[in-house]
Amino acid sequence: MAFEKEITCPKCKSENVEIVSSVYYSLRSKNLARKFDLFLDKRVGTYTQNMTARQKERLLHRLTPPKEPRKTLPAGRIAFMAFLISYLATSALMLGRLGQKDYFLMTLITAFIVGIPFYLILRLVIRDFHKDIIRYRRLRTVWDKQYFCRDCNEVFIPK
């Protein structure tokens, strides 16, 4: 087509290239789409049909997309810390026999001693969670732009 820019491999200058995601999903489905002619372009998936099982496994491992991070926060750890805070706060009730002023001070000290580490740990967990998501999005956009040369097995991003 006149509007389509031809993509060539920077290593061998071949035009026999395919987007990495197409090769990966073709390998992962064991060329199921090729059997049912679901693709309009007849070149897609034909490269992997002539490969041995070991070669397909290696190529699949090489072209695997970045691993998706957890989508939930570690609720077990957060619940444990909340239980620990409540346990220590209720243990301060036993100290209530010391007097109203001492009871208030002991409860306040207990809340700070347990609450501050809980807050810091929760903040670190949430920050790591956000960093993982940002890193995954960055790696996934790079993976989506990559092409695979069928002639020299080069993985590249076209310029």
N, C-alpha and C. Protein backbone atom coordinates (compact mmCIF):
# COMPACT_ATOMS: atom_id res chain seq x y z
N MET A 1 0.84 -1.18 0.00
CA MET A 1 0.00 0.00 0.00
C MET A 1 0.88 1.24 0.00
N ALA A 2 0.35 2.30 -0.56
CA ALA A 2 1.12 3.54 -0.65
C ALA A 2 1.21 4.23 0.70
N PHE A 3 0.21 4.03 1.56
CA PHE A 3 0.20 4.70 2.86
C PHE A 3 1.02 3.96 3.91
N GLU A 4 1.24 2.71 3.70
CA GLU A 4 1.91 1.87 4.70
C GLU A 4 3.42 1.95 4.55
N LYS A 5 4.10 2.22 5.64
CA LYS A 5 5.55 2.29 5.62
C LYS A 5 6.11 0.88 5.73
N GLU A 6 6.98 0.51 4.82
CA GLU A 6 7.58 -0.82 4.86
C GLU A 6 8.60 -0.88 6.00
N ILE A 7 8.49 -1.87 6.81
CA ILE A 7 9.39 -2.06 7.94
C ILE A 7 10.43 -3.09 7.55
N THR A 8 11.69 -2.73 7.72
CA THR A 8 12.77 -3.64 7.40
C THR A 8 13.62 -3.89 8.64
N CYS A 9 14.23 -5.04 8.66
CA CYS A 9 15.11 -5.42 9.77
C CYS A 9 16.39 -4.58 9.70
N PRO A 10 16.80 -3.98 10.81
CA PRO A 10 18.03 -3.17 10.78
C PRO A 10 19.29 -4.02 10.63
N LYS A 11 19.21 -5.30 10.97
CA LYS A 11 20.39 -6.16 10.91
C LYS A 11 20.63 -6.73 9.51
N CYS A 12 19.57 -7.33 8.91
CA CYS A 12 19.74 -7.98 7.61
C CYS A 12 19.01 -7.27 6.48
N LYS A 13 18.32 -6.19 6.78
CA LYS A 13 17.57 -5.38 5.80
C LYS A 13 16.45 -6.16 5.10
N SER A 14 15.96 -7.20 5.74
CA SER A 14 14.87 -8.01 5.18
C SER A 14 13.53 -7.37 5.49
N GLU A 15 12.58 -7.54 4.59
CA GLU A 15 11.22 -7.06 4.82
C GLU A 15 10.33 -8.17 5.36
N ASN A 16 10.91 -9.30 5.65
CA ASN A 16 10.19 -10.47 6.15
C ASN A 16 10.07 -10.37 7.68
N VAL A 17 9.33 -9.37 8.15
CA VAL A 17 9.20 -9.11 9.59
C VAL A 17 7.73 -9.25 10.00
N GLU A 18 7.55 -9.48 11.29
CA GLU A 18 6.21 -9.63 11.85
C GLU A 18 6.23 -9.04 13.25
N ILE A 19 5.11 -8.48 13.66
CA ILE A 19 5.04 -7.89 14.99
C ILE A 19 5.19 -8.99 16.04
N VAL A 20 5.92 -8.71 17.10
CA VAL A 20 6.23 -9.71 18.13
C VAL A 20 4.97 -10.30 18.75
N SER A 21 3.99 -9.46 19.03
CA SER A 21 2.77 -9.97 19.67
C SER A 21 2.07 -11.00 18.78
N SER A 22 2.10 -10.81 17.48
CA SER A 22 1.49 -11.77 16.56
C SER A 22 2.21 -13.11 16.59
N VAL A 23 3.54 -13.07 16.57
CA VAL A 23 4.32 -14.30 16.63
C VAL A 23 4.10 -15.00 17.97
N TYR A 24 4.09 -14.24 19.05
CA TYR A 24 3.92 -14.81 20.38
C TYR A 24 2.57 -15.51 20.52
N TYR A 25 1.50 -14.81 20.14
CA TYR A 25 0.18 -15.41 20.30
C TYR A 25 -0.04 -16.58 19.34
N SER A 26 0.62 -16.54 18.19
CA SER A 26 0.56 -17.66 17.27
C SER A 26 1.25 -18.88 17.86
N LEU A 27 2.40 -18.67 18.47
CA LEU A 27 3.11 -19.77 19.12
C LEU A 27 2.34 -20.31 20.33
N ARG A 28 1.78 -19.40 21.08
CA ARG A 28 1.07 -19.79 22.30
C ARG A 28 -0.19 -20.60 21.98
N SER A 29 -0.84 -20.27 20.89
CA SER A 29 -2.05 -21.00 20.52
C SER A 29 -1.72 -22.21 19.64
N LYS A 30 -0.44 -22.48 19.45
CA LYS A 30 0.04 -23.58 18.63
C LYS A 30 -0.52 -23.50 17.21
N ASN A 31 -0.49 -22.28 16.66
CA ASN A 31 -0.94 -21.99 15.29
C ASN A 31 -2.39 -22.38 15.04
N LEU A 32 -3.20 -22.29 16.06
CA LEU A 32 -4.62 -22.63 15.92
C LEU A 32 -5.31 -21.71 14.93
N ALA A 33 -4.97 -20.43 14.96
CA ALA A 33 -5.59 -19.48 14.03
C ALA A 33 -5.22 -19.82 12.59
N ARG A 34 -4.02 -20.31 12.34
CA ARG A 34 -3.58 -20.68 11.00
C ARG A 34 -4.42 -21.85 10.47
N LYS A 35 -4.80 -22.77 11.35
CA LYS A 35 -5.58 -23.93 10.93
C LYS A 35 -6.97 -23.53 10.47
N PHE A 36 -7.52 -22.50 11.07
CA PHE A 36 -8.87 -22.08 10.72
C PHE A 36 -8.90 -20.86 9.81
N ASP A 37 -7.73 -20.41 9.34
CA ASP A 37 -7.63 -19.25 8.45
C ASP A 37 -8.32 -18.02 9.01
N LEU A 38 -8.03 -17.70 10.25
CA LEU A 38 -8.64 -16.53 10.87
C LEU A 38 -7.93 -15.24 10.49
N PHE A 39 -6.68 -15.35 10.06
CA PHE A 39 -5.93 -14.16 9.69
C PHE A 39 -6.16 -13.83 8.22
N LEU A 40 -6.24 -12.56 7.93
CA LEU A 40 -6.40 -12.14 6.54
C LEU A 40 -5.08 -12.20 5.80
N ASP A 41 -4.01 -11.84 6.49
CA ASP A 41 -2.69 -11.87 5.89
C ASP A 41 -2.16 -13.29 5.95
N LYS A 42 -1.88 -13.89 4.82
CA LYS A 42 -1.47 -15.31 4.77
C LYS A 42 -0.05 -15.51 5.29
N ARG A 43 0.75 -14.43 5.41
CA ARG A 43 2.12 -14.58 5.90
C ARG A 43 2.16 -14.80 7.40
N VAL A 44 1.16 -14.32 8.12
CA VAL A 44 1.17 -14.37 9.58
C VAL A 44 1.13 -15.81 10.06
N GLY A 45 2.05 -16.18 10.91
CA GLY A 45 2.06 -17.50 11.52
C GLY A 45 2.71 -18.58 10.68
N THR A 46 3.07 -18.31 9.43
CA THR A 46 3.68 -19.34 8.59
C THR A 46 5.12 -19.63 8.99
N TYR A 47 5.77 -18.67 9.61
CA TYR A 47 7.18 -18.85 10.00
C TYR A 47 7.31 -19.97 11.02
N THR A 48 6.41 -20.05 11.96
CA THR A 48 6.54 -21.00 13.06
C THR A 48 6.10 -22.40 12.69
N GLN A 49 5.48 -22.61 11.55
CA GLN A 49 5.01 -23.94 11.18
C GLN A 49 6.16 -24.89 10.88
N ASN A 50 7.28 -24.39 10.42
CA ASN A 50 8.41 -25.23 10.02
C ASN A 50 9.43 -25.42 11.15
N MET A 51 9.11 -25.01 12.35
CA MET A 51 10.05 -25.10 13.47
C MET A 51 9.81 -26.36 14.29
N THR A 52 10.87 -26.84 14.96
CA THR A 52 10.72 -27.97 15.86
C THR A 52 10.08 -27.48 17.17
N ALA A 53 9.65 -28.42 17.98
CA ALA A 53 9.00 -28.06 19.24
C ALA A 53 9.96 -27.31 20.16
N ARG A 54 11.22 -27.73 20.18
CA ARG A 54 12.22 -27.08 21.02
C ARG A 54 12.48 -25.64 20.56
N GLN A 55 12.55 -25.44 19.26
CA GLN A 55 12.76 -24.09 18.72
C GLN A 55 11.56 -23.20 19.03
N LYS A 56 10.37 -23.75 18.91
CA LYS A 56 9.17 -22.98 19.23
C LYS A 56 9.14 -22.59 20.70
N GLU A 57 9.55 -23.51 21.56
CA GLU A 57 9.58 -23.24 23.01
C GLU A 57 10.57 -22.13 23.34
N ARG A 58 11.75 -22.18 22.73
CA ARG A 58 12.76 -21.13 22.95
C ARG A 58 12.29 -19.78 22.44
N LEU A 59 11.68 -19.77 21.26
CA LEU A 59 11.20 -18.52 20.70
C LEU A 59 10.05 -17.96 21.53
N LEU A 60 9.19 -18.83 22.00
CA LEU A 60 8.08 -18.40 22.86
C LEU A 60 8.61 -17.77 24.14
N HIS A 61 9.63 -18.39 24.72
CA HIS A 61 10.24 -17.83 25.94
C HIS A 61 10.90 -16.48 25.66
N ARG A 62 11.52 -16.36 24.50
CA ARG A 62 12.22 -15.12 24.15
C ARG A 62 11.25 -13.97 23.88
N LEU A 63 10.09 -14.28 23.31
CA LEU A 63 9.14 -13.24 22.92
C LEU A 63 8.04 -13.01 23.96
N THR A 64 8.14 -13.64 25.10
CA THR A 64 7.11 -13.51 26.13
C THR A 64 6.97 -12.06 26.59
N PRO A 65 5.72 -11.59 26.72
CA PRO A 65 5.53 -10.21 27.19
C PRO A 65 5.91 -10.07 28.66
N PRO A 66 6.09 -8.85 29.13
CA PRO A 66 6.43 -8.66 30.55
C PRO A 66 5.33 -9.20 31.45
N LYS A 67 5.74 -9.70 32.60
CA LYS A 67 4.79 -10.29 33.55
C LYS A 67 3.94 -9.19 34.17
N GLU A 68 2.65 -9.44 34.19
CA GLU A 68 1.72 -8.46 34.74
C GLU A 68 1.80 -8.47 36.27
N PRO A 69 1.84 -7.29 36.90
CA PRO A 69 1.95 -7.26 38.37
C PRO A 69 0.63 -7.64 39.03
N ARG A 70 0.72 -7.86 40.34
CA ARG A 70 -0.50 -8.13 41.11
C ARG A 70 -1.45 -6.96 40.96
N LYS A 71 -2.74 -7.26 40.94
CA LYS A 71 -3.71 -6.18 40.81
C LYS A 71 -4.38 -5.86 42.14
N THR A 72 -4.00 -6.56 43.18
CA THR A 72 -4.59 -6.31 44.50
C THR A 72 -3.48 -6.06 45.51
N LEU A 73 -3.82 -5.30 46.52
CA LEU A 73 -2.88 -5.07 47.61
C LEU A 73 -2.84 -6.30 48.50
N PRO A 74 -1.75 -6.51 49.22
CA PRO A 74 -1.66 -7.68 50.11
C PRO A 74 -2.57 -7.51 51.33
N ALA A 75 -3.79 -7.93 51.20
CA ALA A 75 -4.80 -7.72 52.25
C ALA A 75 -4.44 -8.48 53.52
N GLY A 76 -3.79 -9.61 53.41
CA GLY A 76 -3.44 -10.40 54.60
C GLY A 76 -2.50 -9.65 55.53
N ARG A 77 -1.49 -9.03 54.97
CA ARG A 77 -0.54 -8.28 55.81
C ARG A 77 -1.20 -7.05 56.43
N ILE A 78 -2.03 -6.39 55.65
CA ILE A 78 -2.72 -5.21 56.17
C ILE A 78 -3.68 -5.59 57.29
N ALA A 79 -4.39 -6.70 57.11
CA ALA A 79 -5.32 -7.16 58.15
C ALA A 79 -4.55 -7.58 59.41
N PHE A 80 -3.38 -8.21 59.24
CA PHE A 80 -2.58 -8.60 60.40
C PHE A 80 -2.12 -7.39 61.19
N MET A 81 -1.67 -6.35 60.50
CA MET A 81 -1.23 -5.15 61.18
C MET A 81 -2.40 -4.47 61.90
N ALA A 82 -3.58 -4.47 61.27
CA ALA A 82 -4.76 -3.89 61.92
C ALA A 82 -5.14 -4.69 63.17
N PHE A 83 -5.03 -6.01 63.08
CA PHE A 83 -5.30 -6.85 64.25
C PHE A 83 -4.29 -6.57 65.35
N LEU A 84 -3.05 -6.42 65.01
CA LEU A 84 -2.01 -6.13 66.01
C LEU A 84 -2.28 -4.80 66.70
N ILE A 85 -2.68 -3.80 65.94
CA ILE A 85 -2.99 -2.49 66.53
C ILE A 85 -4.17 -2.62 67.49
N SER A 86 -5.21 -3.31 67.06
CA SER A 86 -6.38 -3.44 67.93
C SER A 86 -6.07 -4.25 69.18
N TYR A 87 -5.22 -5.27 69.03
CA TYR A 87 -4.85 -6.08 70.20
C TYR A 87 -4.07 -5.24 71.21
N LEU A 88 -3.12 -4.49 70.73
CA LEU A 88 -2.33 -3.67 71.66
C LEU A 88 -3.16 -2.54 72.25
N ALA A 89 -4.10 -2.02 71.48
CA ALA A 89 -4.95 -0.96 72.01
C ALA A 89 -5.88 -1.50 73.10
N THR A 90 -6.40 -2.71 72.91
CA THR A 90 -7.27 -3.28 73.94
C THR A 90 -6.47 -3.74 75.16
N SER A 91 -5.21 -4.08 74.96
CA SER A 91 -4.41 -4.44 76.12
C SER A 91 -4.16 -3.21 76.99
N ALA A 92 -4.26 -2.03 76.39
CA ALA A 92 -4.14 -0.81 77.18
C ALA A 92 -5.34 -0.62 78.10
N LEU A 93 -6.45 -1.28 77.77
CA LEU A 93 -7.63 -1.21 78.65
C LEU A 93 -7.33 -1.81 80.02
N MET A 94 -6.48 -2.83 80.04
CA MET A 94 -6.12 -3.43 81.31
C MET A 94 -5.31 -2.45 82.16
N LEU A 95 -4.63 -1.57 81.46
CA LEU A 95 -3.85 -0.59 82.18
C LEU A 95 -4.72 0.57 82.67
N GLY A 96 -6.01 0.54 82.36
CA GLY A 96 -6.94 1.59 82.77
C GLY A 96 -7.09 1.71 84.27
N ARG A 97 -6.70 0.69 84.97
CA ARG A 97 -6.80 0.72 86.43
C ARG A 97 -5.73 1.63 87.05
N LEU A 98 -4.82 2.06 86.24
CA LEU A 98 -3.77 2.93 86.76
C LEU A 98 -4.29 4.33 87.10
N GLY A 99 -5.35 4.69 86.44
CA GLY A 99 -5.90 6.03 86.63
C GLY A 99 -6.19 6.63 85.27
N GLN A 100 -7.02 7.65 85.29
CA GLN A 100 -7.49 8.22 84.03
C GLN A 100 -6.35 8.86 83.24
N LYS A 101 -5.50 9.59 83.92
CA LYS A 101 -4.40 10.27 83.24
C LYS A 101 -3.38 9.27 82.70
N ASP A 102 -2.99 8.29 83.53
CA ASP A 102 -2.03 7.27 83.09
C ASP A 102 -2.62 6.41 81.97
N TYR A 103 -3.91 6.11 82.07
CA TYR A 103 -4.59 5.32 81.04
C TYR A 103 -4.55 6.04 79.70
N PHE A 104 -4.85 7.33 79.71
CA PHE A 104 -4.84 8.11 78.48
C PHE A 104 -3.43 8.15 77.87
N LEU A 105 -2.43 8.36 78.72
CA LEU A 105 -1.04 8.41 78.22
C LEU A 105 -0.60 7.06 77.66
N MET A 106 -0.95 5.97 78.33
CA MET A 106 -0.56 4.63 77.85
C MET A 106 -1.26 4.31 76.52
N THR A 107 -2.53 4.70 76.39
CA THR A 107 -3.24 4.47 75.14
C THR A 107 -2.63 5.29 74.01
N LEU A 108 -2.28 6.51 74.29
CA LEU A 108 -1.68 7.38 73.30
C LEU A 108 -0.31 6.85 72.86
N ILE A 109 0.49 6.45 73.82
CA ILE A 109 1.82 5.90 73.51
C ILE A 109 1.70 4.61 72.71
N THR A 110 0.76 3.74 73.10
CA THR A 110 0.55 2.48 72.38
C THR A 110 0.11 2.75 70.94
N ALA A 111 -0.78 3.70 70.75
CA ALA A 111 -1.25 4.03 69.40
C ALA A 111 -0.10 4.55 68.54
N PHE A 112 0.76 5.38 69.09
CA PHE A 112 1.89 5.89 68.31
C PHE A 112 2.93 4.82 68.04
N ILE A 113 3.21 3.99 69.03
CA ILE A 113 4.23 2.94 68.86
C ILE A 113 3.81 1.96 67.79
N VAL A 114 2.53 1.62 67.73
CA VAL A 114 2.06 0.65 66.75
C VAL A 114 1.57 1.33 65.47
N GLY A 115 0.96 2.48 65.58
CA GLY A 115 0.37 3.15 64.42
C GLY A 115 1.37 3.68 63.43
N ILE A 116 2.47 4.21 63.89
CA ILE A 116 3.46 4.79 62.99
C ILE A 116 4.12 3.70 62.13
N PRO A 117 4.58 2.58 62.70
CA PRO A 117 5.12 1.53 61.81
C PRO A 117 4.07 0.98 60.84
N PHE A 118 2.82 0.85 61.31
CA PHE A 118 1.76 0.38 60.43
C PHE A 118 1.58 1.34 59.25
N TYR A 119 1.55 2.62 59.53
CA TYR A 119 1.40 3.62 58.48
C TYR A 119 2.58 3.56 57.51
N LEU A 120 3.79 3.46 58.04
CA LEU A 120 4.98 3.42 57.18
C LEU A 120 5.00 2.17 56.31
N ILE A 121 4.66 1.03 56.89
CA ILE A 121 4.63 -0.22 56.12
C ILE A 121 3.56 -0.15 55.04
N LEU A 122 2.39 0.33 55.39
CA LEU A 122 1.32 0.44 54.41
C LEU A 122 1.69 1.40 53.29
N ARG A 123 2.36 2.46 53.63
CA ARG A 123 2.79 3.43 52.62
C ARG A 123 3.83 2.81 51.68
N LEU A 124 4.76 2.03 52.22
CA LEU A 124 5.76 1.35 51.39
C LEU A 124 5.11 0.33 50.46
N VAL A 125 4.14 -0.41 50.98
CA VAL A 125 3.46 -1.42 50.16
C VAL A 125 2.72 -0.75 49.01
N ILE A 126 2.03 0.33 49.28
CA ILE A 126 1.28 1.02 48.22
C ILE A 126 2.24 1.65 47.21
N ARG A 127 3.36 2.20 47.68
CA ARG A 127 4.34 2.80 46.76
C ARG A 127 4.94 1.73 45.85
N ASP A 128 5.30 0.56 46.40
CA ASP A 128 5.84 -0.52 45.58
C ASP A 128 4.80 -1.02 44.58
N PHE A 129 3.55 -1.05 45.01
CA PHE A 129 2.45 -1.47 44.15
C PHE A 129 2.35 -0.53 42.94
N HIS A 130 2.40 0.76 43.18
CA HIS A 130 2.33 1.74 42.08
C HIS A 130 3.56 1.68 41.19
N LYS A 131 4.74 1.45 41.76
CA LYS A 131 5.96 1.34 40.96
C LYS A 131 5.88 0.13 40.02
N ASP A 132 5.37 -0.99 40.53
CA ASP A 132 5.23 -2.18 39.69
C ASP A 132 4.28 -1.94 38.52
N ILE A 133 3.20 -1.24 38.77
CA ILE A 133 2.24 -0.95 37.71
C ILE A 133 2.86 -0.04 36.66
N ILE A 134 3.57 0.99 37.09
CA ILE A 134 4.21 1.92 36.15
C ILE A 134 5.28 1.21 35.34
N ARG A 135 6.09 0.38 35.99
CA ARG A 135 7.14 -0.37 35.30
C ARG A 135 6.54 -1.33 34.28
N TYR A 136 5.45 -2.00 34.65
CA TYR A 136 4.79 -2.92 33.72
C TYR A 136 4.26 -2.18 32.49
N ARG A 137 3.62 -1.05 32.71
CA ARG A 137 3.08 -0.28 31.58
C ARG A 137 4.18 0.17 30.63
N ARG A 138 5.32 0.57 31.19
CA ARG A 138 6.45 1.00 30.36
C ARG A 138 7.01 -0.17 29.55
N LEU A 139 7.19 -1.32 30.20
CA LEU A 139 7.71 -2.49 29.50
C LEU A 139 6.72 -3.01 28.46
N ARG A 140 5.44 -2.93 28.77
CA ARG A 140 4.42 -3.42 27.83
C ARG A 140 4.35 -2.55 26.58
N THR A 141 4.49 -1.24 26.72
CA THR A 141 4.48 -0.38 25.53
C THR A 141 5.68 -0.66 24.64
N VAL A 142 6.83 -0.95 25.24
CA VAL A 142 8.02 -1.31 24.45
C VAL A 142 7.77 -2.64 23.75
N TRP A 143 7.22 -3.62 24.45
CA TRP A 143 6.96 -4.94 23.87
C TRP A 143 5.96 -4.84 22.71
N ASP A 144 4.96 -3.99 22.84
CA ASP A 144 3.96 -3.84 21.79
C ASP A 144 4.53 -3.21 20.52
N LYS A 145 5.65 -2.48 20.62
CA LYS A 145 6.26 -1.83 19.46
C LYS A 145 7.30 -2.70 18.76
N GLN A 146 7.67 -3.83 19.35
CA GLN A 146 8.75 -4.64 18.81
C GLN A 146 8.29 -5.48 17.60
N TYR A 147 9.25 -5.71 16.71
CA TYR A 147 9.04 -6.56 15.54
C TYR A 147 10.05 -7.69 15.56
N PHE A 148 9.72 -8.78 14.87
CA PHE A 148 10.56 -9.96 14.81
C PHE A 148 10.90 -10.25 13.35
N CYS A 149 12.19 -10.37 13.06
CA CYS A 149 12.63 -10.70 11.71
C CYS A 149 12.68 -12.22 11.58
N ARG A 150 12.00 -12.74 10.58
CA ARG A 150 11.96 -14.19 10.38
C ARG A 150 13.24 -14.72 9.76
N ASP A 151 14.02 -13.87 9.13
CA ASP A 151 15.24 -14.32 8.46
C ASP A 151 16.42 -14.46 9.43
N CYS A 152 16.61 -13.45 10.29
CA CYS A 152 17.78 -13.49 11.18
C CYS A 152 17.39 -13.61 12.67
N ASN A 153 16.11 -13.76 12.95
CA ASN A 153 15.59 -13.91 14.33
C ASN A 153 15.92 -12.72 15.21
N GLU A 154 15.99 -11.56 14.63
CA GLU A 154 16.29 -10.34 15.38
C GLU A 154 14.99 -9.72 15.89
N VAL A 155 15.00 -9.24 17.14
CA VAL A 155 13.87 -8.51 17.70
C VAL A 155 14.30 -7.05 17.75
N PHE A 156 13.46 -6.17 17.18
CA PHE A 156 13.85 -4.77 17.08
C PHE A 156 12.61 -3.88 17.13
N ILE A 157 12.87 -2.60 17.36
CA ILE A 157 11.82 -1.57 17.31
C ILE A 157 12.13 -0.71 16.10
N PRO A 158 11.19 -0.61 15.15
CA PRO A 158 11.46 0.19 13.96
C PRO A 158 11.57 1.67 14.26
N LYS A 159 12.38 2.35 13.48
CA LYS A 159 12.60 3.79 13.68
C LYS A 159 11.70 4.59 12.79
